[in-house]
Amino acid sequence: MKYSYSPRGVCSQRIDIEVEDGIVQDVKFLGGCNGNLKGIGTLVKGMKVEDVIEKLEGMTCGFKKTSCPDQLAQALKKSL
């Protein structure tokens, strides 16, 4: 299943996710800190959706109450 999510409160503008049988197959961020977000996408590839949510949910960025990793967790929660 492919899913696009519009994050809120962060620099990235869209998160495109592909999940198959509860496993993250691919994650791409549009906008934001390119290198860091490519790294996050690579690190979560092959992980169970629930594990990614558990690890990333609640992370903040500077003074913001959310972050791109947290928004990825939110997107994955909505995709379940």
PDB file of N, CA and C in Angstrom:
ATOM      1  N   MET A   1       0.838  -1.162   0.000  1.00  0.00           N
ATOM      2  CA  MET A   1       0.000   0.000   0.000  1.00  0.00           C
ATOM      3  C   MET A   1       0.897   1.243   0.000  1.00  0.00           C
ATOM      4  N   LYS A   2       0.562   2.160  -0.857  1.00  0.00           N
ATOM      5  CA  LYS A   2       1.274   3.438  -0.894  1.00  0.00           C
ATOM      6  C   LYS A   2       0.393   4.478  -0.228  1.00  0.00           C
ATOM      7  N   TYR A   3       1.036   5.375   0.510  1.00  0.00           N
ATOM      8  CA  TYR A   3       0.312   6.359   1.290  1.00  0.00           C
ATOM      9  C   TYR A   3       1.094   7.666   1.271  1.00  0.00           C
ATOM     10  N   SER A   4       0.402   8.787   1.060  1.00  0.00           N
ATOM     11  CA  SER A   4       1.025  10.113   1.136  1.00  0.00           C
ATOM     12  C   SER A   4       0.427  10.855   2.320  1.00  0.00           C
ATOM     13  N   TYR A   5       1.287  11.555   3.034  1.00  0.00           N
ATOM     14  CA  TYR A   5       0.879  12.257   4.254  1.00  0.00           C
ATOM     15  C   TYR A   5       1.417  13.678   4.197  1.00  0.00           C
ATOM     16  N   SER A   6       0.584  14.638   4.571  1.00  0.00           N
ATOM     17  CA  SER A   6       1.006  16.042   4.647  1.00  0.00           C
ATOM     18  C   SER A   6       1.347  16.362   6.103  1.00  0.00           C
ATOM     19  N   PRO A   7       2.640  16.431   6.420  1.00  0.00           N
ATOM     20  CA  PRO A   7       3.050  16.680   7.805  1.00  0.00           C
ATOM     21  C   PRO A   7       2.695  18.096   8.250  1.00  0.00           C
ATOM     22  N   ARG A   8       2.567  18.255   9.558  1.00  0.00           N
ATOM     23  CA  ARG A   8       2.234  19.554  10.146  1.00  0.00           C
ATOM     24  C   ARG A   8       3.323  19.965  11.137  1.00  0.00           C
ATOM     25  N   GLY A   9       3.683  21.243  11.090  1.00  0.00           N
ATOM     26  CA  GLY A   9       4.617  21.777  12.074  1.00  0.00           C
ATOM     27  C   GLY A   9       6.078  21.493  11.817  1.00  0.00           C
ATOM     28  N   VAL A  10       6.407  21.025  10.596  1.00  0.00           N
ATOM     29  CA  VAL A  10       7.803  20.709  10.263  1.00  0.00           C
ATOM     30  C   VAL A  10       8.142  21.295   8.892  1.00  0.00           C
ATOM     31  N   CYS A  11       9.399  21.200   8.508  1.00  0.00           N
ATOM     32  CA  CYS A  11       9.858  21.756   7.234  1.00  0.00           C
ATOM     33  C   CYS A  11       9.446  20.907   6.030  1.00  0.00           C
ATOM     34  N   SER A  12       9.375  19.599   6.209  1.00  0.00           N
ATOM     35  CA  SER A  12       9.007  18.754   5.064  1.00  0.00           C
ATOM     36  C   SER A  12       7.549  18.998   4.689  1.00  0.00           C
ATOM     37  N   GLN A  13       7.268  18.836   3.399  1.00  0.00           N
ATOM     38  CA  GLN A  13       5.939  19.152   2.867  1.00  0.00           C
ATOM     39  C   GLN A  13       5.084  17.920   2.614  1.00  0.00           C
ATOM     40  N   ARG A  14       5.719  16.772   2.401  1.00  0.00           N
ATOM     41  CA  ARG A  14       4.977  15.543   2.149  1.00  0.00           C
ATOM     42  C   ARG A  14       5.859  14.352   2.508  1.00  0.00           C
ATOM     43  N   ILE A  15       5.209  13.294   2.978  1.00  0.00           N
ATOM     44  CA  ILE A  15       5.895  12.033   3.239  1.00  0.00           C
ATOM     45  C   ILE A  15       5.177  10.966   2.421  1.00  0.00           C
ATOM     46  N   ASP A  16       5.920  10.302   1.540  1.00  0.00           N
ATOM     47  CA  ASP A  16       5.382   9.195   0.753  1.00  0.00           C
ATOM     48  C   ASP A  16       5.898   7.895   1.356  1.00  0.00           C
ATOM     49  N   ILE A  17       4.967   7.012   1.681  1.00  0.00           N
ATOM     50  CA  ILE A  17       5.305   5.772   2.382  1.00  0.00           C
ATOM     51  C   ILE A  17       4.755   4.598   1.597  1.00  0.00           C
ATOM     52  N   GLU A  18       5.527   3.526   1.573  1.00  0.00           N
ATOM     53  CA  GLU A  18       5.039   2.265   1.018  1.00  0.00           C
ATOM     54  C   GLU A  18       5.185   1.200   2.093  1.00  0.00           C
ATOM     55  N   VAL A  19       4.075   0.546   2.411  1.00  0.00           N
ATOM     56  CA  VAL A  19       4.041  -0.500   3.437  1.00  0.00           C
ATOM     57  C   VAL A  19       3.436  -1.747   2.826  1.00  0.00           C
ATOM     58  N   GLU A  20       4.053  -2.878   3.103  1.00  0.00           N
ATOM     59  CA  GLU A  20       3.535  -4.156   2.617  1.00  0.00           C
ATOM     60  C   GLU A  20       3.597  -5.167   3.749  1.00  0.00           C
ATOM     61  N   ASP A  21       2.465  -5.770   4.064  1.00  0.00           N
ATOM     62  CA  ASP A  21       2.372  -6.773   5.127  1.00  0.00           C
ATOM     63  C   ASP A  21       2.943  -6.268   6.455  1.00  0.00           C
ATOM     64  N   GLY A  22       2.668  -5.001   6.765  1.00  0.00           N
ATOM     65  CA  GLY A  22       3.106  -4.433   8.036  1.00  0.00           C
ATOM     66  C   GLY A  22       4.572  -4.053   8.096  1.00  0.00           C
ATOM     67  N   ILE A  23       5.266  -4.116   6.967  1.00  0.00           N
ATOM     68  CA  ILE A  23       6.695  -3.796   6.891  1.00  0.00           C
ATOM     69  C   ILE A  23       6.888  -2.568   6.011  1.00  0.00           C
ATOM     70  N   VAL A  24       7.686  -1.619   6.481  1.00  0.00           N
ATOM     71  CA  VAL A  24       7.989  -0.418   5.707  1.00  0.00           C
ATOM     72  C   VAL A  24       8.891  -0.807   4.544  1.00  0.00           C
ATOM     73  N   GLN A  25       8.419  -0.530   3.332  1.00  0.00           N
ATOM     74  CA  GLN A  25       9.192  -0.838   2.128  1.00  0.00           C
ATOM     75  C   GLN A  25       9.973   0.368   1.626  1.00  0.00           C
ATOM     76  N   ASP A  26       9.385   1.568   1.796  1.00  0.00           N
ATOM     77  CA  ASP A  26      10.041   2.769   1.295  1.00  0.00           C
ATOM     78  C   ASP A  26       9.458   4.001   1.974  1.00  0.00           C
ATOM     79  N   VAL A  27      10.287   5.007   2.216  1.00  0.00           N
ATOM     80  CA  VAL A  27       9.858   6.295   2.759  1.00  0.00           C
ATOM     81  C   VAL A  27      10.621   7.383   2.015  1.00  0.00           C
ATOM     82  N   LYS A  28       9.887   8.365   1.528  1.00  0.00           N
ATOM     83  CA  LYS A  28      10.504   9.516   0.872  1.00  0.00           C
ATOM     84  C   LYS A  28       9.866  10.783   1.420  1.00  0.00           C
ATOM     85  N   PHE A  29      10.697  11.742   1.777  1.00  0.00           N
ATOM     86  CA  PHE A  29      10.245  13.039   2.265  1.00  0.00           C
ATOM     87  C   PHE A  29      10.425  14.060   1.152  1.00  0.00           C
ATOM     88  N   LEU A  30       9.470  14.966   1.003  1.00  0.00           N
ATOM     89  CA  LEU A  30       9.591  16.094   0.092  1.00  0.00           C
ATOM     90  C   LEU A  30       9.851  17.328   0.943  1.00  0.00           C
ATOM     91  N   GLY A  31      10.982  17.972   0.725  1.00  0.00           N
ATOM     92  CA  GLY A  31      11.370  19.127   1.530  1.00  0.00           C
ATOM     93  C   GLY A  31      12.055  18.678   2.812  1.00  0.00           C
ATOM     94  N   GLY A  32      12.428  19.632   3.625  1.00  0.00           N
ATOM     95  CA  GLY A  32      13.105  19.325   4.882  1.00  0.00           C
ATOM     96  C   GLY A  32      14.600  19.145   4.701  1.00  0.00           C
ATOM     97  N   CYS A  33      15.239  18.581   5.693  1.00  0.00           N
ATOM     98  CA  CYS A  33      16.691  18.359   5.706  1.00  0.00           C
ATOM     99  C   CYS A  33      17.018  17.100   4.902  1.00  0.00           C
ATOM    100  N   ASN A  34      17.343  17.274   3.661  1.00  0.00           N
ATOM    101  CA  ASN A  34      17.465  16.187   2.696  1.00  0.00           C
ATOM    102  C   ASN A  34      18.302  15.006   3.187  1.00  0.00           C
ATOM    103  N   GLY A  35      19.504  15.250   3.610  1.00  0.00           N
ATOM    104  CA  GLY A  35      20.382  14.147   4.030  1.00  0.00           C
ATOM    105  C   GLY A  35      19.846  13.398   5.232  1.00  0.00           C
ATOM    106  N   ASN A  36      19.397  14.122   6.237  1.00  0.00           N
ATOM    107  CA  ASN A  36      18.854  13.487   7.443  1.00  0.00           C
ATOM    108  C   ASN A  36      17.623  12.654   7.118  1.00  0.00           C
ATOM    109  N   LEU A  37      16.748  13.193   6.286  1.00  0.00           N
ATOM    110  CA  LEU A  37      15.511  12.496   5.980  1.00  0.00           C
ATOM    111  C   LEU A  37      15.743  11.283   5.079  1.00  0.00           C
ATOM    112  N   LYS A  38      16.740  11.350   4.201  1.00  0.00           N
ATOM    113  CA  LYS A  38      17.121  10.162   3.435  1.00  0.00           C
ATOM    114  C   LYS A  38      17.633   9.083   4.387  1.00  0.00           C
ATOM    115  N   GLY A  39      18.397   9.504   5.380  1.00  0.00           N
ATOM    116  CA  GLY A  39      18.919   8.559   6.369  1.00  0.00           C
ATOM    117  C   GLY A  39      17.810   7.892   7.149  1.00  0.00           C
ATOM    118  N   ILE A  40      16.822   8.668   7.592  1.00  0.00           N
ATOM    119  CA  ILE A  40      15.691   8.098   8.328  1.00  0.00           C
ATOM    120  C   ILE A  40      14.959   7.091   7.453  1.00  0.00           C
ATOM    121  N   GLY A  41      14.712   7.463   6.189  1.00  0.00           N
ATOM    122  CA  GLY A  41      14.036   6.554   5.270  1.00  0.00           C
ATOM    123  C   GLY A  41      14.785   5.243   5.096  1.00  0.00           C
ATOM    124  N   THR A  42      16.096   5.328   4.991  1.00  0.00           N
ATOM    125  CA  THR A  42      16.921   4.130   4.840  1.00  0.00           C
ATOM    126  C   THR A  42      16.904   3.281   6.111  1.00  0.00           C
ATOM    127  N   LEU A  43      16.974   3.926   7.267  1.00  0.00           N
ATOM    128  CA  LEU A  43      17.008   3.193   8.537  1.00  0.00           C
ATOM    129  C   LEU A  43      15.714   2.445   8.834  1.00  0.00           C
ATOM    130  N   VAL A  44      14.572   3.011   8.466  1.00  0.00           N
ATOM    131  CA  VAL A  44      13.297   2.364   8.793  1.00  0.00           C
ATOM    132  C   VAL A  44      12.874   1.334   7.747  1.00  0.00           C
ATOM    133  N   LYS A  45      13.502   1.344   6.598  1.00  0.00           N
ATOM    134  CA  LYS A  45      13.161   0.375   5.553  1.00  0.00           C
ATOM    135  C   LYS A  45      13.382  -1.039   6.078  1.00  0.00           C
ATOM    136  N   GLY A  46      12.359  -1.879   5.934  1.00  0.00           N
ATOM    137  CA  GLY A  46      12.437  -3.264   6.406  1.00  0.00           C
ATOM    138  C   GLY A  46      11.958  -3.450   7.833  1.00  0.00           C
ATOM    139  N   MET A  47      11.642  -2.358   8.522  1.00  0.00           N
ATOM    140  CA  MET A  47      11.165  -2.452   9.905  1.00  0.00           C
ATOM    141  C   MET A  47       9.653  -2.631   9.944  1.00  0.00           C
ATOM    142  N   LYS A  48       9.166  -3.229  11.024  1.00  0.00           N
ATOM    143  CA  LYS A  48       7.732  -3.315  11.261  1.00  0.00           C
ATOM    144  C   LYS A  48       7.201  -1.922  11.539  1.00  0.00           C
ATOM    145  N   VAL A  49       6.014  -1.634  11.022  1.00  0.00           N
ATOM    146  CA  VAL A  49       5.393  -0.323  11.211  1.00  0.00           C
ATOM    147  C   VAL A  49       5.303   0.016  12.697  1.00  0.00           C
ATOM    148  N   GLU A  50       4.869  -0.917  13.511  1.00  0.00           N
ATOM    149  CA  GLU A  50       4.715  -0.675  14.946  1.00  0.00           C
ATOM    150  C   GLU A  50       6.044  -0.315  15.618  1.00  0.00           C
ATOM    151  N   ASP A  51       7.131  -0.940  15.173  1.00  0.00           N
ATOM    152  CA  ASP A  51       8.452  -0.647  15.741  1.00  0.00           C
ATOM    153  C   ASP A  51       8.907   0.765  15.385  1.00  0.00           C
ATOM    154  N   VAL A  52       8.638   1.179  14.153  1.00  0.00           N
ATOM    155  CA  VAL A  52       9.001   2.539  13.722  1.00  0.00           C
ATOM    156  C   VAL A  52       8.220   3.555  14.559  1.00  0.00           C
ATOM    157  N   ILE A  53       6.926   3.321  14.725  1.00  0.00           N
ATOM    158  CA  ILE A  53       6.097   4.227  15.513  1.00  0.00           C
ATOM    159  C   ILE A  53       6.633   4.328  16.939  1.00  0.00           C
ATOM    160  N   GLU A  54       6.945   3.194  17.532  1.00  0.00           N
ATOM    161  CA  GLU A  54       7.439   3.165  18.912  1.00  0.00           C
ATOM    162  C   GLU A  54       8.738   3.958  19.069  1.00  0.00           C
ATOM    163  N   LYS A  55       9.627   3.850  18.096  1.00  0.00           N
ATOM    164  CA  LYS A  55      10.926   4.523  18.188  1.00  0.00           C
ATOM    165  C   LYS A  55      10.872   6.020  17.885  1.00  0.00           C
ATOM    166  N   LEU A  56       9.981   6.441  16.970  1.00  0.00           N
ATOM    167  CA  LEU A  56      10.018   7.826  16.483  1.00  0.00           C
ATOM    168  C   LEU A  56       8.952   8.742  17.075  1.00  0.00           C
ATOM    169  N   GLU A  57       7.866   8.180  17.549  1.00  0.00           N
ATOM    170  CA  GLU A  57       6.775   9.015  18.038  1.00  0.00           C
ATOM    171  C   GLU A  57       7.223   9.855  19.238  1.00  0.00           C
ATOM    172  N   GLY A  58       6.868  11.123  19.195  1.00  0.00           N
ATOM    173  CA  GLY A  58       7.164  12.025  20.307  1.00  0.00           C
ATOM    174  C   GLY A  58       8.477  12.785  20.190  1.00  0.00           C
ATOM    175  N   MET A  59       9.278  12.491  19.172  1.00  0.00           N
ATOM    176  CA  MET A  59      10.540  13.234  18.992  1.00  0.00           C
ATOM    177  C   MET A  59      10.232  14.681  18.626  1.00  0.00           C
ATOM    178  N   THR A  60      11.033  15.590  19.146  1.00  0.00           N
ATOM    179  CA  THR A  60      10.852  17.011  18.848  1.00  0.00           C
ATOM    180  C   THR A  60      12.037  17.524  18.043  1.00  0.00           C
ATOM    181  N   CYS A  61      11.872  18.715  17.474  1.00  0.00           N
ATOM    182  CA  CYS A  61      12.931  19.358  16.705  1.00  0.00           C
ATOM    183  C   CYS A  61      13.065  20.786  17.221  1.00  0.00           C
ATOM    184  N   GLY A  62      14.152  21.056  17.913  1.00  0.00           N
ATOM    185  CA  GLY A  62      14.357  22.390  18.473  1.00  0.00           C
ATOM    186  C   GLY A  62      13.217  22.763  19.399  1.00  0.00           C
ATOM    187  N   PHE A  63      12.612  23.919  19.150  1.00  0.00           N
ATOM    188  CA  PHE A  63      11.524  24.404  19.997  1.00  0.00           C
ATOM    189  C   PHE A  63      10.165  23.853  19.562  1.00  0.00           C
ATOM    190  N   LYS A  64      10.119  23.121  18.460  1.00  0.00           N
ATOM    191  CA  LYS A  64       8.861  22.578  17.945  1.00  0.00           C
ATOM    192  C   LYS A  64       8.399  21.390  18.784  1.00  0.00           C
ATOM    193  N   LYS A  65       7.101  21.180  18.840  1.00  0.00           N
ATOM    194  CA  LYS A  65       6.544  20.061  19.606  1.00  0.00           C
ATOM    195  C   LYS A  65       6.510  18.773  18.797  1.00  0.00           C
ATOM    196  N   THR A  66       6.994  18.830  17.573  1.00  0.00           N
ATOM    197  CA  THR A  66       7.025  17.667  16.697  1.00  0.00           C
ATOM    198  C   THR A  66       8.332  17.686  15.909  1.00  0.00           C
ATOM    199  N   SER A  67       8.505  16.728  15.028  1.00  0.00           N
ATOM    200  CA  SER A  67       9.697  16.636  14.171  1.00  0.00           C
ATOM    201  C   SER A  67       9.317  15.808  12.957  1.00  0.00           C
ATOM    202  N   CYS A  68      10.203  15.755  11.984  1.00  0.00           N
ATOM    203  CA  CYS A  68       9.937  14.908  10.823  1.00  0.00           C
ATOM    204  C   CYS A  68       9.832  13.430  11.219  1.00  0.00           C
ATOM    205  N   PRO A  69      10.696  12.918  12.125  1.00  0.00           N
ATOM    206  CA  PRO A  69      10.515  11.533  12.561  1.00  0.00           C
ATOM    207  C   PRO A  69       9.161  11.323  13.257  1.00  0.00           C
ATOM    208  N   ASP A  70       8.756  12.266  14.100  1.00  0.00           N
ATOM    209  CA  ASP A  70       7.451  12.159  14.764  1.00  0.00           C
ATOM    210  C   ASP A  70       6.330  12.185  13.738  1.00  0.00           C
ATOM    211  N   GLN A  71       6.442  13.033  12.726  1.00  0.00           N
ATOM    212  CA  GLN A  71       5.414  13.099  11.690  1.00  0.00           C
ATOM    213  C   GLN A  71       5.374  11.806  10.872  1.00  0.00           C
ATOM    214  N   LEU A  72       6.515  11.164  10.676  1.00  0.00           N
ATOM    215  CA  LEU A  72       6.525   9.858  10.024  1.00  0.00           C
ATOM    216  C   LEU A  72       5.752   8.857  10.879  1.00  0.00           C
ATOM    217  N   ALA A  73       5.978   8.893  12.182  1.00  0.00           N
ATOM    218  CA  ALA A  73       5.235   8.009  13.086  1.00  0.00           C
ATOM    219  C   ALA A  73       3.733   8.278  12.992  1.00  0.00           C
ATOM    220  N   GLN A  74       3.348   9.533  12.940  1.00  0.00           N
ATOM    221  CA  GLN A  74       1.928   9.883  12.827  1.00  0.00           C
ATOM    222  C   GLN A  74       1.359   9.378  11.504  1.00  0.00           C
ATOM    223  N   ALA A  75       2.116   9.523  10.437  1.00  0.00           N
ATOM    224  CA  ALA A  75       1.673   9.040   9.135  1.00  0.00           C
ATOM    225  C   ALA A  75       1.478   7.522   9.156  1.00  0.00           C
ATOM    226  N   LEU A  76       2.412   6.822   9.773  1.00  0.00           N
ATOM    227  CA  LEU A  76       2.304   5.356   9.842  1.00  0.00           C
ATOM    228  C   LEU A  76       1.110   4.937  10.683  1.00  0.00           C
ATOM    229  N   LYS A  77       0.830   5.666  11.750  1.00  0.00           N
ATOM    230  CA  LYS A  77      -0.343   5.360  12.579  1.00  0.00           C
ATOM    231  C   LYS A  77      -1.618   5.503  11.763  1.00  0.00           C
ATOM    232  N   LYS A  78      -1.694   6.547  10.953  1.00  0.00           N
ATOM    233  CA  LYS A  78      -2.892   6.771  10.121  1.00  0.00           C
ATOM    234  C   LYS A  78      -3.011   5.711   9.028  1.00  0.00           C
ATOM    235  N   SER A  79      -1.894   5.164   8.609  1.00  0.00           N
ATOM    236  CA  SER A  79      -1.935   4.172   7.528  1.00  0.00           C
ATOM    237  C   SER A  79      -2.378   2.790   8.018  1.00  0.00           C
ATOM    238  N   LEU A  80      -2.370   2.587   9.314  1.00  0.00           N
ATOM    239  CA  LEU A  80      -2.757   1.263   9.852  1.00  0.00           C
ATOM    240  C   LEU A  80      -4.230   0.985   9.666  1.00  0.00           C
TER     241      LEU A  80
END
